[in-house]
Amino acid sequence: MLLGSRAAATASLTRSRRIRGVSLIEVLISILLSAIGLLALAGANVASIRYSKMSQYKGTATSLIADLSERIRANKSGLASYALTDDFATQGAAMQVIVAAATTSGARNGTHNTNCETYAPANCTAAQLAAYDLANWRLLLWDQLPEGAAIVSVPVGTVGANVWVAWRDPAVADADENSTDSRNAALECPADLNLGVDKSVRCSFFRINL
C-alpha cells in the first residue's frame, strides 16, 4: 500500500511539473507574439510619420508653385527668363552663400536688379524682373523645404513652364525607391538635377499654363 501511495505521489508530481512546463512555454510564446506585434506597430507608426511629412512637403511645394505661377503671369513677356537648369548641388551651394552673406549684411538677396524692388515696369526690363522674381522665390523654396531646389523649363513654342520642385528627405527608405534611372524616367526628378545615386531627394512635377 505504501508503494502504491509513493507511485501515485510520484506520478502526481510528474504531472504537476509537466503542467508548469507547458504554462511556461505558453507564457514565452505570448511574450514573443506580443513583441512581434509591438515591433510591427512601431514600424507602422514610423512609416505613418514619414509619409505624413512627405505629404506636408508636397503641400508646401504646391503652395510655392502657386506663388511662382502668379509671378510669371504678372510678367508674361519675361517667361523665357524664368528658366532654371542648375543641378541640385549647384543650387544648394549658391543658396548657402546667400544665406551666409545675409548673416553678415542682414539682407537676403539673390542675383537680381535692385531697380525691380518696386515692381515698377519702368524701372526694369521683363528679364530683370524675372531674375528678381526667381531669386526671391528660390529663397522661399530654400526656407520652406529642406535644401529646396527647382528646375524650371520653358519649352519652345509653348505658353507655359514645366517645374520640378526638389527637396532632401533623409527619412526616405531605400526600399521605397527605385533606381535613379527609373525615377528620372518617371519624371519624379529630372536628369538636370544630376542626383547620381542619391535617393534621399524627392521631387514633385508641376505644369504652369499661362
C-alpha atoms as a PDB file:
ATOM      1  CA  MET A   1       0.000   0.000   0.000  1.00  0.00           C
ATOM      2  CA  LEU A   2       2.858   2.330   0.818  1.00  0.00           C
ATOM      3  CA  LEU A   3       4.473   1.588  -2.523  1.00  0.00           C
ATOM      4  CA  GLY A   4       1.250   2.415  -4.301  1.00  0.00           C
ATOM      5  CA  SER A   5       0.992   5.743  -2.489  1.00  0.00           C
ATOM      6  CA  ARG A   6       4.551   6.610  -3.410  1.00  0.00           C
ATOM      7  CA  ALA A   7       3.940   5.759  -7.048  1.00  0.00           C
ATOM      8  CA  ALA A   8       0.794   7.875  -7.087  1.00  0.00           C
ATOM      9  CA  ALA A   9       2.662  10.781  -5.467  1.00  0.00           C
ATOM     10  CA  THR A  10       5.473  10.488  -7.992  1.00  0.00           C
ATOM     11  CA  ALA A  11       3.021  10.443 -10.893  1.00  0.00           C
ATOM     12  CA  SER A  12       1.195  13.450  -9.488  1.00  0.00           C
ATOM     13  CA  LEU A  13       4.486  15.355  -9.086  1.00  0.00           C
ATOM     14  CA  THR A  14       5.467  14.496 -12.659  1.00  0.00           C
ATOM     15  CA  ARG A  15       2.113  15.714 -13.992  1.00  0.00           C
ATOM     16  CA  SER A  16       2.462  18.918 -11.974  1.00  0.00           C
ATOM     17  CA  ARG A  17       5.926  19.575 -13.427  1.00  0.00           C
ATOM     18  CA  ARG A  18       4.641  18.938 -16.937  1.00  0.00           C
ATOM     19  CA  ILE A  19       1.778  21.393 -16.392  1.00  0.00           C
ATOM     20  CA  ARG A  20       4.203  24.023 -15.104  1.00  0.00           C
ATOM     21  CA  GLY A  21       6.465  23.385 -18.132  1.00  0.00           C
ATOM     22  CA  VAL A  22       3.568  23.789 -20.551  1.00  0.00           C
ATOM     23  CA  SER A  23       2.479  27.005 -18.804  1.00  0.00           C
ATOM     24  CA  LEU A  24       5.994  28.445 -19.083  1.00  0.00           C
ATOM     25  CA  ILE A  25       6.094  27.686 -22.832  1.00  0.00           C
ATOM     26  CA  GLU A  26       2.705  29.357 -23.247  1.00  0.00           C
ATOM     27  CA  VAL A  27       3.970  32.451 -21.423  1.00  0.00           C
ATOM     28  CA  LEU A  28       7.119  32.598 -23.585  1.00  0.00           C
ATOM     29  CA  ILE A  29       5.053  32.242 -26.778  1.00  0.00           C
ATOM     30  CA  SER A  30       2.715  35.009 -25.588  1.00  0.00           C
ATOM     31  CA  ILE A  31       5.694  37.301 -24.901  1.00  0.00           C
ATOM     32  CA  LEU A  32       7.152  36.530 -28.341  1.00  0.00           C
ATOM     33  CA  LEU A  33       3.851  37.257 -30.103  1.00  0.00           C
ATOM     34  CA  SER A  34       3.427  40.476 -28.124  1.00  0.00           C
ATOM     35  CA  ALA A  35       6.962  41.582 -29.037  1.00  0.00           C
ATOM     36  CA  ILE A  36       6.326  40.905 -32.744  1.00  0.00           C
ATOM     37  CA  GLY A  37       3.071  42.858 -32.545  1.00  0.00           C
ATOM     38  CA  LEU A  38       4.745  45.808 -30.834  1.00  0.00           C
ATOM     39  CA  LEU A  39       7.563  45.865 -33.407  1.00  0.00           C
ATOM     40  CA  ALA A  40       5.013  45.851 -36.240  1.00  0.00           C
ATOM     41  CA  LEU A  41       3.102  48.669 -34.545  1.00  0.00           C
ATOM     42  CA  ALA A  42       6.288  50.694 -34.107  1.00  0.00           C
ATOM     43  CA  GLY A  43       7.178  50.185 -37.773  1.00  0.00           C
ATOM     44  CA  ALA A  44       3.704  51.288 -38.863  1.00  0.00           C
ATOM     45  CA  ASN A  45       3.992  54.370 -36.661  1.00  0.00           C
ATOM     46  CA  VAL A  46       7.373  55.322 -38.149  1.00  0.00           C
ATOM     47  CA  ALA A  47       6.028  54.839 -41.685  1.00  0.00           C
ATOM     48  CA  SER A  48       2.981  56.944 -40.842  1.00  0.00           C
ATOM     49  CA  ILE A  49       5.170  59.800 -39.598  1.00  0.00           C
ATOM     50  CA  ARG A  50       7.417  59.543 -42.675  1.00  0.00           C
ATOM     51  CA  TYR A  51       4.543  59.635 -45.159  1.00  0.00           C
ATOM     52  CA  SER A  52       2.820  62.402 -43.219  1.00  0.00           C
ATOM     53  CA  LYS A  53       5.981  64.507 -43.514  1.00  0.00           C
ATOM     54  CA  MET A  54       6.237  63.687 -47.211  1.00  0.00           C
ATOM     55  CA  SER A  55       2.643  64.855 -47.681  1.00  0.00           C
ATOM     56  CA  GLN A  56       3.494  68.067 -45.833  1.00  0.00           C
ATOM     57  CA  TYR A  57       6.458  68.709 -48.136  1.00  0.00           C
ATOM     58  CA  LYS A  58       4.309  68.151 -51.229  1.00  0.00           C
ATOM     59  CA  GLY A  59       1.705  70.564 -49.875  1.00  0.00           C
ATOM     60  CA  THR A  60       4.411  73.179 -49.326  1.00  0.00           C
ATOM     61  CA  ALA A  61       5.708  72.605 -52.873  1.00  0.00           C
ATOM     62  CA  THR A  62       2.194  73.170 -54.239  1.00  0.00           C
ATOM     63  CA  SER A  63       1.919  76.438 -52.332  1.00  0.00           C
ATOM     64  CA  LEU A  64       5.298  77.595 -53.656  1.00  0.00           C
ATOM     65  CA  ILE A  65       4.268  76.762 -57.219  1.00  0.00           C
ATOM     66  CA  ALA A  66       1.148  78.895 -56.795  1.00  0.00           C
ATOM     67  CA  ASP A  67       3.438  81.777 -55.793  1.00  0.00           C
ATOM     68  CA  LEU A  68       5.719  81.279 -58.816  1.00  0.00           C
ATOM     69  CA  SER A  69       2.799  80.972 -61.229  1.00  0.00           C
ATOM     70  CA  GLU A  70       1.419  84.328 -60.078  1.00  0.00           C
ATOM     71  CA  ARG A  71       4.818  85.945 -60.576  1.00  0.00           C
ATOM     72  CA  ILE A  72       5.098  84.518 -64.099  1.00  0.00           C
ATOM     73  CA  ARG A  73       1.566  85.506 -65.081  1.00  0.00           C
ATOM     74  CA  ALA A  74       2.299  89.061 -63.971  1.00  0.00           C
ATOM     75  CA  ASN A  75       5.374  89.120 -66.229  1.00  0.00           C
ATOM     76  CA  LYS A  76       4.381  87.007 -69.254  1.00  0.00           C
ATOM     77  CA  SER A  77       6.780  88.770 -71.592  1.00  0.00           C
ATOM     78  CA  GLY A  78       9.671  87.606 -69.414  1.00  0.00           C
ATOM     79  CA  LEU A  79       8.603  83.930 -69.434  1.00  0.00           C
ATOM     80  CA  ALA A  80      11.803  82.629 -71.058  1.00  0.00           C
ATOM     81  CA  SER A  81      13.916  84.307 -68.358  1.00  0.00           C
ATOM     82  CA  TYR A  82      12.354  82.157 -65.625  1.00  0.00           C
ATOM     83  CA  ALA A  83      14.252  79.098 -66.865  1.00  0.00           C
ATOM     84  CA  LEU A  84      16.411  77.457 -64.191  1.00  0.00           C
ATOM     85  CA  THR A  85      18.636  74.492 -65.072  1.00  0.00           C
ATOM     86  CA  ASP A  86      21.367  74.389 -62.391  1.00  0.00           C
ATOM     87  CA  ASP A  87      21.762  70.972 -60.799  1.00  0.00           C
ATOM     88  CA  PHE A  88      20.863  70.193 -57.186  1.00  0.00           C
ATOM     89  CA  ALA A  89      24.369  70.601 -55.755  1.00  0.00           C
ATOM     90  CA  THR A  90      24.987  73.885 -57.584  1.00  0.00           C
ATOM     91  CA  GLN A  91      21.720  75.386 -56.362  1.00  0.00           C
ATOM     92  CA  GLY A  92      22.420  74.285 -52.811  1.00  0.00           C
ATOM     93  CA  ALA A  93      25.895  75.816 -52.830  1.00  0.00           C
ATOM     94  CA  ALA A  94      24.554  79.105 -54.222  1.00  0.00           C
ATOM     95  CA  MET A  95      21.845  79.326 -51.561  1.00  0.00           C
ATOM     96  CA  GLN A  96      24.331  78.604 -48.784  1.00  0.00           C
ATOM     97  CA  VAL A  97      26.448  81.546 -49.978  1.00  0.00           C
ATOM     98  CA  ILE A  98      23.399  83.838 -49.992  1.00  0.00           C
ATOM     99  CA  VAL A  99      22.318  82.749 -46.507  1.00  0.00           C
ATOM    100  CA  ALA A 100      25.882  83.121 -45.163  1.00  0.00           C
ATOM    101  CA  ALA A 101      26.112  86.636 -46.640  1.00  0.00           C
ATOM    102  CA  ALA A 102      22.772  87.521 -45.046  1.00  0.00           C
ATOM    103  CA  THR A 103      24.191  86.680 -41.641  1.00  0.00           C
ATOM    104  CA  THR A 104      26.714  89.476 -42.125  1.00  0.00           C
ATOM    105  CA  SER A 105      24.733  92.068 -44.053  1.00  0.00           C
ATOM    106  CA  GLY A 106      21.231  91.298 -42.841  1.00  0.00           C
ATOM    107  CA  ALA A 107      19.938  91.497 -46.429  1.00  0.00           C
ATOM    108  CA  ARG A 108      18.842  88.316 -48.175  1.00  0.00           C
ATOM    109  CA  ASN A 109      19.114  88.955 -51.869  1.00  0.00           C
ATOM    110  CA  GLY A 110      19.844  86.734 -54.801  1.00  0.00           C
ATOM    111  CA  THR A 111      21.394  87.943 -58.035  1.00  0.00           C
ATOM    112  CA  HIS A 112      18.881  90.404 -59.396  1.00  0.00           C
ATOM    113  CA  ASN A 113      18.434  94.008 -60.490  1.00  0.00           C
ATOM    114  CA  THR A 114      17.609  96.167 -57.466  1.00  0.00           C
ATOM    115  CA  ASN A 115      15.655  98.522 -59.727  1.00  0.00           C
ATOM    116  CA  CYS A 116      12.918  95.880 -59.695  1.00  0.00           C
ATOM    117  CA  GLU A 117      12.359  96.227 -55.942  1.00  0.00           C
ATOM    118  CA  THR A 118       9.326  98.430 -56.549  1.00  0.00           C
ATOM    119  CA  TYR A 119       7.961  96.097 -59.271  1.00  0.00           C
ATOM    120  CA  ALA A 120       7.545  99.176 -61.484  1.00  0.00           C
ATOM    121  CA  PRO A 121       7.884  98.139 -65.155  1.00  0.00           C
ATOM    122  CA  ALA A 122       9.623 101.417 -65.936  1.00  0.00           C
ATOM    123  CA  ASN A 123      12.432 100.554 -63.535  1.00  0.00           C
ATOM    124  CA  CYS A 124      13.497  97.221 -65.020  1.00  0.00           C
ATOM    125  CA  THR A 125      13.116  95.024 -68.052  1.00  0.00           C
ATOM    126  CA  ALA A 126      10.982  91.875 -68.198  1.00  0.00           C
ATOM    127  CA  ALA A 127      14.134  89.758 -67.986  1.00  0.00           C
ATOM    128  CA  GLN A 128      15.386  91.665 -64.936  1.00  0.00           C
ATOM    129  CA  LEU A 129      12.022  91.310 -63.233  1.00  0.00           C
ATOM    130  CA  ALA A 130      12.077  87.571 -63.960  1.00  0.00           C
ATOM    131  CA  ALA A 131      15.538  87.300 -62.379  1.00  0.00           C
ATOM    132  CA  TYR A 132      14.291  89.249 -59.364  1.00  0.00           C
ATOM    133  CA  ASP A 133      11.217  87.025 -59.027  1.00  0.00           C
ATOM    134  CA  LEU A 134      13.255  83.855 -59.400  1.00  0.00           C
ATOM    135  CA  ALA A 135      15.862  84.943 -56.836  1.00  0.00           C
ATOM    136  CA  ASN A 136      13.233  85.729 -54.224  1.00  0.00           C
ATOM    137  CA  TRP A 137      11.215  82.609 -54.984  1.00  0.00           C
ATOM    138  CA  ARG A 138      14.311  80.437 -54.590  1.00  0.00           C
ATOM    139  CA  LEU A 139      14.845  81.935 -51.136  1.00  0.00           C
ATOM    140  CA  LEU A 140      11.304  80.911 -50.192  1.00  0.00           C
ATOM    141  CA  LEU A 141      11.996  77.463 -51.602  1.00  0.00           C
ATOM    142  CA  TRP A 142      15.176  77.108 -49.550  1.00  0.00           C
ATOM    143  CA  ASP A 143      13.483  78.374 -46.370  1.00  0.00           C
ATOM    144  CA  GLN A 144      10.367  76.222 -46.560  1.00  0.00           C
ATOM    145  CA  LEU A 145      11.749  72.925 -47.854  1.00  0.00           C
ATOM    146  CA  PRO A 146      14.913  71.107 -46.697  1.00  0.00           C
ATOM    147  CA  GLU A 147      17.574  72.015 -49.272  1.00  0.00           C
ATOM    148  CA  GLY A 148      14.775  73.183 -51.558  1.00  0.00           C
ATOM    149  CA  ALA A 149      15.694  73.498 -55.242  1.00  0.00           C
ATOM    150  CA  ALA A 150      13.899  73.599 -58.572  1.00  0.00           C
ATOM    151  CA  ILE A 151      14.218  73.039 -62.281  1.00  0.00           C
ATOM    152  CA  VAL A 152      12.170  75.414 -64.428  1.00  0.00           C
ATOM    153  CA  SER A 153      11.888  74.502 -68.101  1.00  0.00           C
ATOM    154  CA  VAL A 154      10.233  76.757 -70.674  1.00  0.00           C
ATOM    155  CA  PRO A 155       9.668  74.623 -73.798  1.00  0.00           C
ATOM    156  CA  VAL A 156       9.998  76.466 -77.100  1.00  0.00           C
ATOM    157  CA  GLY A 157       6.663  77.027 -78.828  1.00  0.00           C
ATOM    158  CA  THR A 158       4.554  76.611 -75.683  1.00  0.00           C
ATOM    159  CA  VAL A 159       2.971  79.191 -73.427  1.00  0.00           C
ATOM    160  CA  GLY A 160       3.861  77.871 -70.020  1.00  0.00           C
ATOM    161  CA  ALA A 161       6.572  76.285 -67.910  1.00  0.00           C
ATOM    162  CA  ASN A 162       7.397  72.848 -66.531  1.00  0.00           C
ATOM    163  CA  VAL A 163       8.597  72.980 -62.941  1.00  0.00           C
ATOM    164  CA  TRP A 164      10.124  70.299 -60.739  1.00  0.00           C
ATOM    165  CA  VAL A 165      10.380  71.211 -57.066  1.00  0.00           C
ATOM    166  CA  ALA A 166      13.012  69.167 -55.245  1.00  0.00           C
ATOM    167  CA  TRP A 167      13.958  68.719 -51.613  1.00  0.00           C
ATOM    168  CA  ARG A 168      16.007  66.357 -49.472  1.00  0.00           C
ATOM    169  CA  ASP A 169      14.075  63.901 -47.347  1.00  0.00           C
ATOM    170  CA  PRO A 170      16.515  61.843 -45.216  1.00  0.00           C
ATOM    171  CA  ALA A 171      13.613  59.778 -43.852  1.00  0.00           C
ATOM    172  CA  VAL A 172      13.028  58.121 -47.239  1.00  0.00           C
ATOM    173  CA  ALA A 173      13.849  54.422 -47.049  1.00  0.00           C
ATOM    174  CA  ASP A 174      15.876  52.886 -49.867  1.00  0.00           C
ATOM    175  CA  ALA A 175      13.271  50.128 -50.108  1.00  0.00           C
ATOM    176  CA  ASP A 176      10.699  52.743 -51.125  1.00  0.00           C
ATOM    177  CA  GLU A 177      12.816  53.952 -54.043  1.00  0.00           C
ATOM    178  CA  ASN A 178      13.538  52.567 -57.459  1.00  0.00           C
ATOM    179  CA  SER A 179      16.821  53.084 -59.248  1.00  0.00           C
ATOM    180  CA  THR A 180      17.785  56.629 -60.195  1.00  0.00           C
ATOM    181  CA  ASP A 181      17.250  55.852 -63.902  1.00  0.00           C
ATOM    182  CA  SER A 182      13.737  54.558 -63.271  1.00  0.00           C
ATOM    183  CA  ARG A 183      12.920  57.554 -61.122  1.00  0.00           C
ATOM    184  CA  ASN A 184      14.072  60.009 -63.792  1.00  0.00           C
ATOM    185  CA  ALA A 185      12.129  58.111 -66.439  1.00  0.00           C
ATOM    186  CA  ALA A 186       9.007  58.506 -64.317  1.00  0.00           C
ATOM    187  CA  LEU A 187       9.638  62.285 -64.131  1.00  0.00           C
ATOM    188  CA  GLU A 188       9.781  62.262 -60.342  1.00  0.00           C
ATOM    189  CA  CYS A 189      13.125  64.013 -60.632  1.00  0.00           C
ATOM    190  CA  PRO A 190      14.578  65.398 -63.884  1.00  0.00           C
ATOM    191  CA  ALA A 191      18.009  64.377 -65.122  1.00  0.00           C
ATOM    192  CA  ASP A 192      19.107  68.041 -64.980  1.00  0.00           C
ATOM    193  CA  LEU A 193      19.301  67.795 -61.184  1.00  0.00           C
ATOM    194  CA  ASN A 194      22.231  65.387 -61.610  1.00  0.00           C
ATOM    195  CA  LEU A 195      21.410  63.389 -58.491  1.00  0.00           C
ATOM    196  CA  GLY A 196      23.546  60.383 -59.289  1.00  0.00           C
ATOM    197  CA  VAL A 197      22.770  57.593 -56.824  1.00  0.00           C
ATOM    198  CA  ASP A 198      21.343  59.954 -54.191  1.00  0.00           C
ATOM    199  CA  LYS A 199      17.911  58.542 -53.304  1.00  0.00           C
ATOM    200  CA  SER A 200      17.081  60.967 -50.500  1.00  0.00           C
ATOM    201  CA  VAL A 201      15.980  63.733 -52.880  1.00  0.00           C
ATOM    202  CA  ARG A 202      12.278  63.815 -53.722  1.00  0.00           C
ATOM    203  CA  CYS A 203      10.585  65.820 -56.474  1.00  0.00           C
ATOM    204  CA  SER A 204       7.128  66.993 -57.451  1.00  0.00           C
ATOM    205  CA  PHE A 205       6.278  67.969 -61.014  1.00  0.00           C
ATOM    206  CA  PHE A 206       4.015  70.900 -61.892  1.00  0.00           C
ATOM    207  CA  ARG A 207       2.858  72.499 -65.123  1.00  0.00           C
ATOM    208  CA  ILE A 208       2.235  76.254 -65.171  1.00  0.00           C
ATOM    209  CA  ASN A 209      -0.051  77.313 -68.021  1.00  0.00           C
ATOM    210  CA  LEU A 210      -0.464  80.972 -68.918  1.00  0.00           C
END
